[in-house]
Amino acid sequence: MREDAYLNFRWTNRTVRTAVLGVIVVPAAVYYIADKYYQRFDWAGRPKGQSILVAAPQPQAKSSSQQ
């Protein structure tokens, strides 16, 4: 029966829910987390007690001559 499971497959509420979770929701959540934290941490060569957070770049203030 295990080897022929694809022959007896039916789309039911349970299989649709499992497919949507596994194909859409989980990859979307992984992508969101990866995008949110991309290059936020610097793991290389930090002394003990120093934060691994990378300082966010400060926005440049417009000078009066560029207006």
Protein backbone atom coordinates (compact mmCIF):
# COMPACT_ATOMS: atom_id res chain seq x y z
CA MET A 1 0.00 0.00 0.00
CA ARG A 2 2.85 2.40 0.80
CA GLU A 3 4.44 2.02 -2.63
CA ASP A 4 1.11 2.67 -4.37
CA ALA A 5 -0.05 5.58 -2.19
CA TYR A 6 0.04 8.02 -5.13
CA LEU A 7 -2.56 5.92 -6.93
CA ASN A 8 -5.07 6.37 -4.10
CA PHE A 9 -4.33 10.04 -3.41
CA ARG A 10 -7.31 12.39 -3.08
CA TRP A 11 -7.42 16.12 -2.46
CA THR A 12 -9.18 16.54 0.87
CA ASN A 13 -9.30 19.46 3.29
CA ARG A 14 -6.46 17.91 5.25
CA THR A 15 -4.17 17.35 2.24
CA VAL A 16 -4.85 20.86 0.90
CA ARG A 17 -4.03 22.37 4.29
CA THR A 18 -0.81 20.34 4.52
CA ALA A 19 0.20 21.27 0.98
CA VAL A 20 -0.44 24.99 1.52
CA LEU A 21 1.51 24.98 4.78
CA GLY A 22 4.42 23.07 3.31
CA VAL A 23 4.64 24.81 -0.05
CA ILE A 24 3.59 28.41 0.71
CA VAL A 25 3.50 29.31 4.41
CA VAL A 26 6.73 27.72 5.65
CA PRO A 27 8.93 28.96 2.76
CA ALA A 28 7.37 32.43 3.05
CA ALA A 29 8.12 32.53 6.77
CA VAL A 30 11.71 31.39 6.21
CA TYR A 31 12.16 34.02 3.48
CA TYR A 32 10.71 36.77 5.70
CA ILE A 33 13.01 35.90 8.60
CA ALA A 34 16.06 35.60 6.33
CA ASP A 35 15.30 38.93 4.66
CA LYS A 36 14.66 40.71 7.95
CA TYR A 37 17.91 39.59 9.56
CA TYR A 38 20.18 39.58 6.48
CA GLN A 39 23.54 41.15 7.34
CA ARG A 40 22.30 42.28 10.74
CA PHE A 41 24.88 40.25 12.66
CA ASP A 42 28.66 40.07 12.32
CA TRP A 43 29.82 36.75 13.72
CA ALA A 44 33.52 37.03 12.81
CA GLY A 45 36.09 37.98 15.42
CA ARG A 46 34.06 39.71 18.11
CA PRO A 47 35.73 39.99 21.55
CA LYS A 48 33.92 38.55 24.54
CA GLY A 49 31.21 40.89 25.74
CA GLN A 50 30.99 42.89 22.50
CA SER A 51 27.69 42.90 20.63
CA ILE A 52 27.45 41.01 17.35
CA LEU A 53 24.90 43.49 15.98
CA VAL A 54 26.17 45.49 13.05
CA ALA A 55 25.61 49.22 13.47
CA ALA A 56 22.94 50.45 11.08
CA PRO A 57 24.15 53.15 8.69
CA GLN A 58 22.93 56.60 9.66
CA PRO A 59 21.00 58.50 6.97
CA GLN A 60 22.88 61.40 5.45
CA ALA A 61 21.56 64.85 6.35
CA LYS A 62 20.95 67.16 3.41
CA SER A 63 23.21 70.18 3.36
CA SER A 64 21.72 73.56 2.59
CA SER A 65 23.71 73.85 -0.66
CA GLN A 66 22.03 70.76 -2.17
CA GLN A 67 18.45 72.01 -1.86
